[in-house]
């Protein structure tokens, strides 16, 4: 007569599975290769099944197609959306303040640019860590909702002023309560996905106030900084967006229907 011990079989299976998971985890790796032409960085690696499931869980909600773009439906491929989703995931992690400190500070991107180029949107900025050049327009976009420090020569020595951070604390909460996410017409991105944007740039004297600010997701923030679309707060306190003539010859203002009319 043969006897079957189900508890022993479960223990053997659990031990085998644990060994396979540990083996797979040791093979988890990631490599970064800078493109020779400076166009970007290639990513290559392998995730164990648990890490892969965690990664998919984190990135899939961020890689959904945009419900609206300046040209209609989201034209990006799934691979392109996942690429931007990874960037968004990293941005949120750095903004969360949960990362370990490095050199006494939380890790963050540092870009240097002259006062004149930043104000006029001309010239180039440079990433301090890698030396990569970025357009002044991109730096202006980042400066909308970032820590900005000014440095120069004072009494023969380099002087650095305290940085200023915009749309934080109570003011950020007021933007979230009013806009409830990206304010661009048709966009459904929630507040956590959004940057605070100055309608009139603080570089040109625009104040950091509720009446001069709005929430925009990364895609629409970049779109607004390209200059073709205009945004203003209407008389009832709701942000309105005016399209360029090639989209609407009459340039009728639009607003996100999520917001009250």
C-alpha atoms as a PDB file:
ATOM      1  CA  UNK A   1       0.000   0.000   0.000  1.00  0.00           C
ATOM      2  CA  UNK A   2       1.426   3.396  -0.998  1.00  0.00           C
ATOM      3  CA  UNK A   3       0.906   6.443   1.250  1.00  0.00           C
ATOM      4  CA  UNK A   4       0.863  10.012  -0.004  1.00  0.00           C
ATOM      5  CA  UNK A   5       2.025  12.873   2.224  1.00  0.00           C
ATOM      6  CA  UNK A   6       0.566  16.100   0.702  1.00  0.00           C
ATOM      7  CA  UNK A   7       2.241  18.282   3.343  1.00  0.00           C
ATOM      8  CA  UNK A   8       5.664  16.892   2.429  1.00  0.00           C
ATOM      9  CA  UNK A   9       4.980  17.430  -1.286  1.00  0.00           C
ATOM     10  CA  UNK A  10       4.023  21.037  -0.601  1.00  0.00           C
ATOM     11  CA  UNK A  11       7.214  21.584   1.382  1.00  0.00           C
ATOM     12  CA  UNK A  12       9.353  20.112  -1.398  1.00  0.00           C
ATOM     13  CA  UNK A  13       7.574  22.282  -3.999  1.00  0.00           C
ATOM     14  CA  UNK A  14       7.936  25.390  -1.838  1.00  0.00           C
ATOM     15  CA  UNK A  15      11.661  24.744  -1.330  1.00  0.00           C
ATOM     16  CA  UNK A  16      12.191  24.197  -5.061  1.00  0.00           C
ATOM     17  CA  UNK A  17      10.262  27.366  -5.919  1.00  0.00           C
ATOM     18  CA  UNK A  18      12.238  29.404  -3.390  1.00  0.00           C
ATOM     19  CA  UNK A  19      15.500  28.149  -4.891  1.00  0.00           C
ATOM     20  CA  UNK A  20      14.346  29.032  -8.420  1.00  0.00           C
ATOM     21  CA  UNK A  21      13.286  32.525  -7.299  1.00  0.00           C
ATOM     22  CA  UNK A  22      16.639  33.137  -5.604  1.00  0.00           C
ATOM     23  CA  UNK A  23      18.459  31.940  -8.728  1.00  0.00           C
ATOM     24  CA  UNK A  24      16.369  34.222 -10.941  1.00  0.00           C
ATOM     25  CA  UNK A  25      16.947  37.185  -8.621  1.00  0.00           C
ATOM     26  CA  UNK A  26      20.717  36.746  -8.939  1.00  0.00           C
ATOM     27  CA  UNK A  27      20.335  37.122 -12.712  1.00  0.00           C
ATOM     28  CA  UNK A  28      18.511  40.460 -12.395  1.00  0.00           C
ATOM     29  CA  UNK A  29      20.689  43.034 -14.141  1.00  0.00           C
ATOM     30  CA  UNK A  30      20.625  46.391 -15.912  1.00  0.00           C
ATOM     31  CA  UNK A  31      23.155  47.979 -18.271  1.00  0.00           C
ATOM     32  CA  UNK A  32      23.225  51.498 -19.736  1.00  0.00           C
ATOM     33  CA  UNK A  33      25.004  52.308 -23.016  1.00  0.00           C
ATOM     34  CA  UNK A  34      25.345  55.877 -24.258  1.00  0.00           C
ATOM     35  CA  UNK A  35      24.702  56.203 -27.996  1.00  0.00           C
ATOM     36  CA  UNK A  36      27.910  57.262 -29.802  1.00  0.00           C
ATOM     37  CA  UNK A  37      26.097  60.110 -31.551  1.00  0.00           C
ATOM     38  CA  UNK A  38      24.893  61.563 -28.241  1.00  0.00           C
ATOM     39  CA  UNK A  39      21.229  60.962 -29.090  1.00  0.00           C
ATOM     40  CA  UNK A  40      20.464  59.124 -25.854  1.00  0.00           C
ATOM     41  CA  UNK A  41      21.157  56.029 -23.794  1.00  0.00           C
ATOM     42  CA  UNK A  42      20.303  52.420 -24.601  1.00  0.00           C
ATOM     43  CA  UNK A  43      18.948  50.230 -21.803  1.00  0.00           C
ATOM     44  CA  UNK A  44      19.499  46.501 -21.699  1.00  0.00           C
ATOM     45  CA  UNK A  45      18.783  44.089 -18.893  1.00  0.00           C
ATOM     46  CA  UNK A  46      16.801  41.250 -17.437  1.00  0.00           C
ATOM     47  CA  UNK A  47      14.329  41.154 -14.549  1.00  0.00           C
ATOM     48  CA  UNK A  48      13.361  38.152 -12.513  1.00  0.00           C
ATOM     49  CA  UNK A  49       9.632  37.269 -12.693  1.00  0.00           C
ATOM     50  CA  UNK A  50       8.747  39.048  -9.439  1.00  0.00           C
ATOM     51  CA  UNK A  51      10.651  42.229 -10.337  1.00  0.00           C
ATOM     52  CA  UNK A  52       9.119  42.143 -13.826  1.00  0.00           C
ATOM     53  CA  UNK A  53       5.612  41.903 -12.379  1.00  0.00           C
ATOM     54  CA  UNK A  54       6.363  44.806 -10.023  1.00  0.00           C
ATOM     55  CA  UNK A  55       7.740  46.862 -12.928  1.00  0.00           C
ATOM     56  CA  UNK A  56       4.709  46.188 -15.140  1.00  0.00           C
ATOM     57  CA  UNK A  57       2.364  47.059 -12.276  1.00  0.00           C
ATOM     58  CA  UNK A  58       4.119  50.410 -11.832  1.00  0.00           C
ATOM     59  CA  UNK A  59       4.545  51.362 -15.478  1.00  0.00           C
ATOM     60  CA  UNK A  60       1.322  50.219 -17.132  1.00  0.00           C
ATOM     61  CA  UNK A  61      -0.927  52.950 -15.654  1.00  0.00           C
ATOM     62  CA  UNK A  62       1.667  55.574 -16.667  1.00  0.00           C
ATOM     63  CA  UNK A  63       1.898  54.318 -20.247  1.00  0.00           C
ATOM     64  CA  UNK A  64      -1.773  54.577 -21.189  1.00  0.00           C
ATOM     65  CA  UNK A  65      -2.433  56.612 -24.351  1.00  0.00           C
ATOM     66  CA  UNK A  66      -3.148  60.276 -23.766  1.00  0.00           C
ATOM     67  CA  UNK A  67      -6.874  60.953 -24.208  1.00  0.00           C
ATOM     68  CA  UNK A  68      -6.058  64.140 -26.088  1.00  0.00           C
ATOM     69  CA  UNK A  69      -3.070  65.793 -27.728  1.00  0.00           C
ATOM     70  CA  UNK A  70      -2.670  68.950 -29.787  1.00  0.00           C
ATOM     71  CA  UNK A  71      -3.251  66.821 -32.907  1.00  0.00           C
ATOM     72  CA  UNK A  72      -6.025  64.570 -31.628  1.00  0.00           C
ATOM     73  CA  UNK A  73      -5.445  60.971 -30.529  1.00  0.00           C
ATOM     74  CA  UNK A  74      -2.118  59.993 -29.011  1.00  0.00           C
ATOM     75  CA  UNK A  75       0.172  59.174 -31.987  1.00  0.00           C
ATOM     76  CA  UNK A  76       2.869  57.436 -29.929  1.00  0.00           C
ATOM     77  CA  UNK A  77       3.579  53.726 -30.156  1.00  0.00           C
ATOM     78  CA  UNK A  78       3.281  51.493 -27.095  1.00  0.00           C
ATOM     79  CA  UNK A  79       7.085  51.378 -26.851  1.00  0.00           C
ATOM     80  CA  UNK A  80       7.298  55.178 -26.931  1.00  0.00           C
ATOM     81  CA  UNK A  81       4.657  55.467 -24.229  1.00  0.00           C
ATOM     82  CA  UNK A  82       6.513  52.985 -22.026  1.00  0.00           C
ATOM     83  CA  UNK A  83       9.723  54.969 -22.501  1.00  0.00           C
ATOM     84  CA  UNK A  84       8.055  58.178 -21.282  1.00  0.00           C
ATOM     85  CA  UNK A  85       6.344  56.218 -18.510  1.00  0.00           C
ATOM     86  CA  UNK A  86       9.717  55.083 -17.196  1.00  0.00           C
ATOM     87  CA  UNK A  87      10.901  58.697 -17.180  1.00  0.00           C
ATOM     88  CA  UNK A  88       7.735  59.716 -15.314  1.00  0.00           C
ATOM     89  CA  UNK A  89       8.189  56.915 -12.794  1.00  0.00           C
ATOM     90  CA  UNK A  90      11.744  58.070 -12.055  1.00  0.00           C
ATOM     91  CA  UNK A  91      10.656  61.731 -11.812  1.00  0.00           C
ATOM     92  CA  UNK A  92       8.008  60.853  -9.248  1.00  0.00           C
ATOM     93  CA  UNK A  93      10.460  58.799  -7.211  1.00  0.00           C
ATOM     94  CA  UNK A  94      12.939  61.672  -7.071  1.00  0.00           C
ATOM     95  CA  UNK A  95      10.190  64.171  -6.230  1.00  0.00           C
ATOM     96  CA  UNK A  96       8.866  61.960  -3.442  1.00  0.00           C
ATOM     97  CA  UNK A  97      11.908  62.566  -1.231  1.00  0.00           C
ATOM     98  CA  UNK A  98      12.016  58.845  -0.397  1.00  0.00           C
ATOM     99  CA  UNK A  99      15.351  58.171  -2.108  1.00  0.00           C
ATOM    100  CA  UNK A 100      18.599  57.863  -0.125  1.00  0.00           C
ATOM    101  CA  UNK A 101      20.657  61.043   0.227  1.00  0.00           C
ATOM    102  CA  UNK A 102      23.693  61.644  -1.942  1.00  0.00           C
ATOM    103  CA  UNK A 103      26.270  64.196  -0.869  1.00  0.00           C
ATOM    104  CA  UNK A 104      23.957  65.362   1.912  1.00  0.00           C
ATOM    105  CA  UNK A 105      21.023  66.029  -0.452  1.00  0.00           C
ATOM    106  CA  UNK A 106      18.252  64.080  -2.079  1.00  0.00           C
ATOM    107  CA  UNK A 107      19.224  63.179  -5.677  1.00  0.00           C
ATOM    108  CA  UNK A 108      17.977  65.639  -8.260  1.00  0.00           C
ATOM    109  CA  UNK A 109      18.831  66.957 -11.699  1.00  0.00           C
ATOM    110  CA  UNK A 110      21.042  70.038 -11.662  1.00  0.00           C
ATOM    111  CA  UNK A 111      21.213  72.202 -14.782  1.00  0.00           C
ATOM    112  CA  UNK A 112      23.318  75.336 -15.220  1.00  0.00           C
ATOM    113  CA  UNK A 113      22.375  78.210 -17.528  1.00  0.00           C
ATOM    114  CA  UNK A 114      23.109  81.918 -17.698  1.00  0.00           C
ATOM    115  CA  UNK A 115      20.566  84.372 -16.316  1.00  0.00           C
ATOM    116  CA  UNK A 116      20.160  85.958 -19.757  1.00  0.00           C
ATOM    117  CA  UNK A 117      19.563  82.678 -21.600  1.00  0.00           C
ATOM    118  CA  UNK A 118      17.070  81.512 -18.992  1.00  0.00           C
ATOM    119  CA  UNK A 119      15.124  84.760 -19.182  1.00  0.00           C
ATOM    120  CA  UNK A 120      15.074  84.977 -22.989  1.00  0.00           C
ATOM    121  CA  UNK A 121      14.729  81.259 -23.704  1.00  0.00           C
ATOM    122  CA  UNK A 122      17.820  81.324 -25.914  1.00  0.00           C
ATOM    123  CA  UNK A 123      21.085  79.454 -25.811  1.00  0.00           C
ATOM    124  CA  UNK A 124      21.656  76.238 -23.918  1.00  0.00           C
ATOM    125  CA  UNK A 125      21.622  74.810 -20.440  1.00  0.00           C
ATOM    126  CA  UNK A 126      23.906  72.028 -19.300  1.00  0.00           C
ATOM    127  CA  UNK A 127      23.227  69.076 -17.004  1.00  0.00           C
ATOM    128  CA  UNK A 128      25.800  69.199 -14.232  1.00  0.00           C
ATOM    129  CA  UNK A 129      26.152  65.432 -13.795  1.00  0.00           C
ATOM    130  CA  UNK A 130      26.689  64.384 -17.415  1.00  0.00           C
ATOM    131  CA  UNK A 131      27.486  67.618 -19.236  1.00  0.00           C
ATOM    132  CA  UNK A 132      24.576  67.005 -21.618  1.00  0.00           C
ATOM    133  CA  UNK A 133      23.239  70.149 -23.275  1.00  0.00           C
ATOM    134  CA  UNK A 134      19.513  70.947 -23.169  1.00  0.00           C
ATOM    135  CA  UNK A 135      17.599  73.774 -24.797  1.00  0.00           C
ATOM    136  CA  UNK A 136      16.855  76.938 -22.853  1.00  0.00           C
ATOM    137  CA  UNK A 137      13.150  76.349 -23.543  1.00  0.00           C
ATOM    138  CA  UNK A 138      13.370  73.011 -21.754  1.00  0.00           C
ATOM    139  CA  UNK A 139      15.119  74.673 -18.803  1.00  0.00           C
ATOM    140  CA  UNK A 140      12.335  77.276 -18.670  1.00  0.00           C
ATOM    141  CA  UNK A 141       9.795  74.449 -18.529  1.00  0.00           C
ATOM    142  CA  UNK A 142      11.637  72.794 -15.642  1.00  0.00           C
ATOM    143  CA  UNK A 143      12.014  76.122 -13.856  1.00  0.00           C
ATOM    144  CA  UNK A 144       8.211  76.500 -13.712  1.00  0.00           C
ATOM    145  CA  UNK A 145       8.076  74.113 -10.770  1.00  0.00           C
ATOM    146  CA  UNK A 146      11.599  73.600  -9.479  1.00  0.00           C
ATOM    147  CA  UNK A 147      14.215  74.711  -7.028  1.00  0.00           C
ATOM    148  CA  UNK A 148      16.122  77.575  -8.657  1.00  0.00           C
ATOM    149  CA  UNK A 149      19.362  78.930  -7.216  1.00  0.00           C
ATOM    150  CA  UNK A 150      21.338  81.911  -8.476  1.00  0.00           C
ATOM    151  CA  UNK A 151      25.100  82.069  -8.264  1.00  0.00           C
ATOM    152  CA  UNK A 152      27.719  84.547  -9.358  1.00  0.00           C
ATOM    153  CA  UNK A 153      30.876  86.333  -8.255  1.00  0.00           C
ATOM    154  CA  UNK A 154      30.675  88.484  -5.144  1.00  0.00           C
ATOM    155  CA  UNK A 155      33.788  90.096  -3.607  1.00  0.00           C
ATOM    156  CA  UNK A 156      35.920  87.929  -5.843  1.00  0.00           C
ATOM    157  CA  UNK A 157      34.299  84.664  -4.710  1.00  0.00           C
ATOM    158  CA  UNK A 158      31.491  82.479  -6.000  1.00  0.00           C
ATOM    159  CA  UNK A 159      28.266  83.250  -4.128  1.00  0.00           C
ATOM    160  CA  UNK A 160      25.192  81.005  -4.150  1.00  0.00           C
ATOM    161  CA  UNK A 161      21.793  82.264  -3.058  1.00  0.00           C
ATOM    162  CA  UNK A 162      19.157  80.099  -1.404  1.00  0.00           C
ATOM    163  CA  UNK A 163      16.965  78.273  -3.871  1.00  0.00           C
ATOM    164  CA  UNK A 164      13.262  78.925  -4.302  1.00  0.00           C
ATOM    165  CA  UNK A 165      10.711  76.218  -4.951  1.00  0.00           C
ATOM    166  CA  UNK A 166       7.383  77.020  -6.588  1.00  0.00           C
ATOM    167  CA  UNK A 167       3.836  75.690  -6.204  1.00  0.00           C
ATOM    168  CA  UNK A 168       4.412  73.685  -3.049  1.00  0.00           C
ATOM    169  CA  UNK A 169       2.543  73.292   0.221  1.00  0.00           C
ATOM    170  CA  UNK A 170      -0.760  75.151   0.529  1.00  0.00           C
ATOM    171  CA  UNK A 171      -0.489  76.716  -2.939  1.00  0.00           C
ATOM    172  CA  UNK A 172       0.046  73.347  -4.594  1.00  0.00           C
ATOM    173  CA  UNK A 173      -2.960  71.966  -2.731  1.00  0.00           C
ATOM    174  CA  UNK A 174      -5.121  74.873  -3.939  1.00  0.00           C
ATOM    175  CA  UNK A 175      -4.072  74.163  -7.549  1.00  0.00           C
ATOM    176  CA  UNK A 176      -5.022  70.505  -7.087  1.00  0.00           C
ATOM    177  CA  UNK A 177      -8.407  71.395  -5.571  1.00  0.00           C
ATOM    178  CA  UNK A 178      -9.227  73.776  -8.422  1.00  0.00           C
ATOM    179  CA  UNK A 179      -7.850  71.874 -11.452  1.00  0.00           C
ATOM    180  CA  UNK A 180      -8.200  68.290 -10.147  1.00  0.00           C
ATOM    181  CA  UNK A 181      -5.493  67.188 -12.550  1.00  0.00           C
ATOM    182  CA  UNK A 182      -4.123  68.367 -15.870  1.00  0.00           C
ATOM    183  CA  UNK A 183      -6.249  71.359 -16.921  1.00  0.00           C
ATOM    184  CA  UNK A 184      -5.639  70.911 -20.667  1.00  0.00           C
ATOM    185  CA  UNK A 185      -8.895  70.205 -22.580  1.00  0.00           C
ATOM    186  CA  UNK A 186      -9.692  66.498 -22.676  1.00  0.00           C
ATOM    187  CA  UNK A 187      -6.767  65.366 -20.487  1.00  0.00           C
ATOM    188  CA  UNK A 188      -7.551  63.075 -17.548  1.00  0.00           C
ATOM    189  CA  UNK A 189      -4.115  62.905 -15.899  1.00  0.00           C
ATOM    190  CA  UNK A 190      -4.497  63.172 -12.080  1.00  0.00           C
ATOM    191  CA  UNK A 191      -2.730  65.774  -9.878  1.00  0.00           C
ATOM    192  CA  UNK A 192       0.155  63.444  -9.011  1.00  0.00           C
ATOM    193  CA  UNK A 193       1.132  63.376 -12.690  1.00  0.00           C
ATOM    194  CA  UNK A 194       1.190  67.166 -13.016  1.00  0.00           C
ATOM    195  CA  UNK A 195       3.611  70.064 -12.788  1.00  0.00           C
ATOM    196  CA  UNK A 196       2.728  73.542 -11.603  1.00  0.00           C
ATOM    197  CA  UNK A 197       2.903  75.980 -14.530  1.00  0.00           C
ATOM    198  CA  UNK A 198       3.184  79.785 -14.387  1.00  0.00           C
ATOM    199  CA  UNK A 199       0.795  81.348 -16.923  1.00  0.00           C
ATOM    200  CA  UNK A 200       2.994  84.438 -17.012  1.00  0.00           C
ATOM    201  CA  UNK A 201       6.542  83.239 -16.448  1.00  0.00           C
ATOM    202  CA  UNK A 202       8.068  84.240 -13.129  1.00  0.00           C
ATOM    203  CA  UNK A 203      11.134  85.108 -15.231  1.00  0.00           C
ATOM    204  CA  UNK A 204       9.041  87.941 -16.683  1.00  0.00           C
ATOM    205  CA  UNK A 205       7.641  89.057 -13.359  1.00  0.00           C
ATOM    206  CA  UNK A 206       4.737  86.613 -13.131  1.00  0.00           C
ATOM    207  CA  UNK A 207       3.758  85.933  -9.518  1.00  0.00           C
ATOM    208  CA  UNK A 208       3.568  82.473  -7.986  1.00  0.00           C
ATOM    209  CA  UNK A 209      -0.140  82.592  -7.188  1.00  0.00           C
ATOM    210  CA  UNK A 210      -3.257  80.555  -7.808  1.00  0.00           C
ATOM    211  CA  UNK A 211      -4.467  83.077 -10.403  1.00  0.00           C
ATOM    212  CA  UNK A 212      -1.167  82.764 -12.299  1.00  0.00           C
ATOM    213  CA  UNK A 213      -0.836  78.998 -12.132  1.00  0.00           C
ATOM    214  CA  UNK A 214      -2.326  75.787 -13.449  1.00  0.00           C
ATOM    215  CA  UNK A 215      -1.612  72.061 -13.353  1.00  0.00           C
ATOM    216  CA  UNK A 216      -0.319  70.421 -16.515  1.00  0.00           C
ATOM    217  CA  UNK A 217       0.877  66.867 -17.156  1.00  0.00           C
ATOM    218  CA  UNK A 218       4.365  66.525 -18.591  1.00  0.00           C
ATOM    219  CA  UNK A 219       3.147  66.218 -22.184  1.00  0.00           C
ATOM    220  CA  UNK A 220       0.928  69.294 -22.093  1.00  0.00           C
ATOM    221  CA  UNK A 221       3.468  71.283 -20.081  1.00  0.00           C
ATOM    222  CA  UNK A 222       5.964  70.793 -22.900  1.00  0.00           C
ATOM    223  CA  UNK A 223       3.257  71.672 -25.436  1.00  0.00           C
ATOM    224  CA  UNK A 224       2.451  74.983 -23.743  1.00  0.00           C
ATOM    225  CA  UNK A 225       6.126  75.937 -23.546  1.00  0.00           C
ATOM    226  CA  UNK A 226       6.429  75.498 -27.311  1.00  0.00           C
ATOM    227  CA  UNK A 227       4.422  78.699 -27.544  1.00  0.00           C
ATOM    228  CA  UNK A 228       1.663  77.924 -30.050  1.00  0.00           C
ATOM    229  CA  UNK A 229      -1.046  77.318 -27.433  1.00  0.00           C
ATOM    230  CA  UNK A 230      -1.946  80.056 -24.939  1.00  0.00           C
ATOM    231  CA  UNK A 231      -3.434  79.613 -21.483  1.00  0.00           C
ATOM    232  CA  UNK A 232      -5.122  82.058 -19.153  1.00  0.00           C
ATOM    233  CA  UNK A 233      -7.459  81.964 -16.174  1.00  0.00           C
ATOM    234  CA  UNK A 234     -10.961  83.068 -17.200  1.00  0.00           C
ATOM    235  CA  UNK A 235     -13.158  85.487 -15.249  1.00  0.00           C
ATOM    236  CA  UNK A 236     -14.745  82.575 -13.329  1.00  0.00           C
ATOM    237  CA  UNK A 237     -11.311  81.365 -12.200  1.00  0.00           C
ATOM    238  CA  UNK A 238     -11.007  78.370 -14.551  1.00  0.00           C
ATOM    239  CA  UNK A 239      -7.993  77.887 -16.878  1.00  0.00           C
ATOM    240  CA  UNK A 240      -8.781  78.245 -20.581  1.00  0.00           C
ATOM    241  CA  UNK A 241      -6.587  77.210 -23.491  1.00  0.00           C
ATOM    242  CA  UNK A 242      -6.475  79.003 -26.836  1.00  0.00           C
ATOM    243  CA  UNK A 243      -5.342  76.824 -29.771  1.00  0.00           C
ATOM    244  CA  UNK A 244      -3.140  78.063 -32.624  1.00  0.00           C
ATOM    245  CA  UNK A 245      -4.767  79.200 -35.873  1.00  0.00           C
ATOM    246  CA  UNK A 246      -3.909  75.994 -37.759  1.00  0.00           C
ATOM    247  CA  UNK A 247      -6.101  74.064 -35.296  1.00  0.00           C
ATOM    248  CA  UNK A 248      -8.877  76.649 -34.925  1.00  0.00           C
ATOM    249  CA  UNK A 249      -8.814  79.716 -37.228  1.00  0.00           C
ATOM    250  CA  UNK A 250     -11.135  81.506 -34.779  1.00  0.00           C
ATOM    251  CA  UNK A 251      -8.904  80.612 -31.820  1.00  0.00           C
ATOM    252  CA  UNK A 252     -11.841  79.949 -29.516  1.00  0.00           C
ATOM    253  CA  UNK A 253     -10.740  79.216 -25.921  1.00  0.00           C
ATOM    254  CA  UNK A 254     -11.376  75.695 -24.607  1.00  0.00           C
ATOM    255  CA  UNK A 255     -11.345  74.236 -21.125  1.00  0.00           C
ATOM    256  CA  UNK A 256     -11.263  70.806 -19.571  1.00  0.00           C
ATOM    257  CA  UNK A 257     -14.839  69.542 -19.146  1.00  0.00           C
ATOM    258  CA  UNK A 258     -13.774  67.939 -15.868  1.00  0.00           C
ATOM    259  CA  UNK A 259     -13.778  71.456 -14.440  1.00  0.00           C
ATOM    260  CA  UNK A 260     -17.006  73.224 -13.650  1.00  0.00           C
ATOM    261  CA  UNK A 261     -18.339  75.583 -16.328  1.00  0.00           C
END
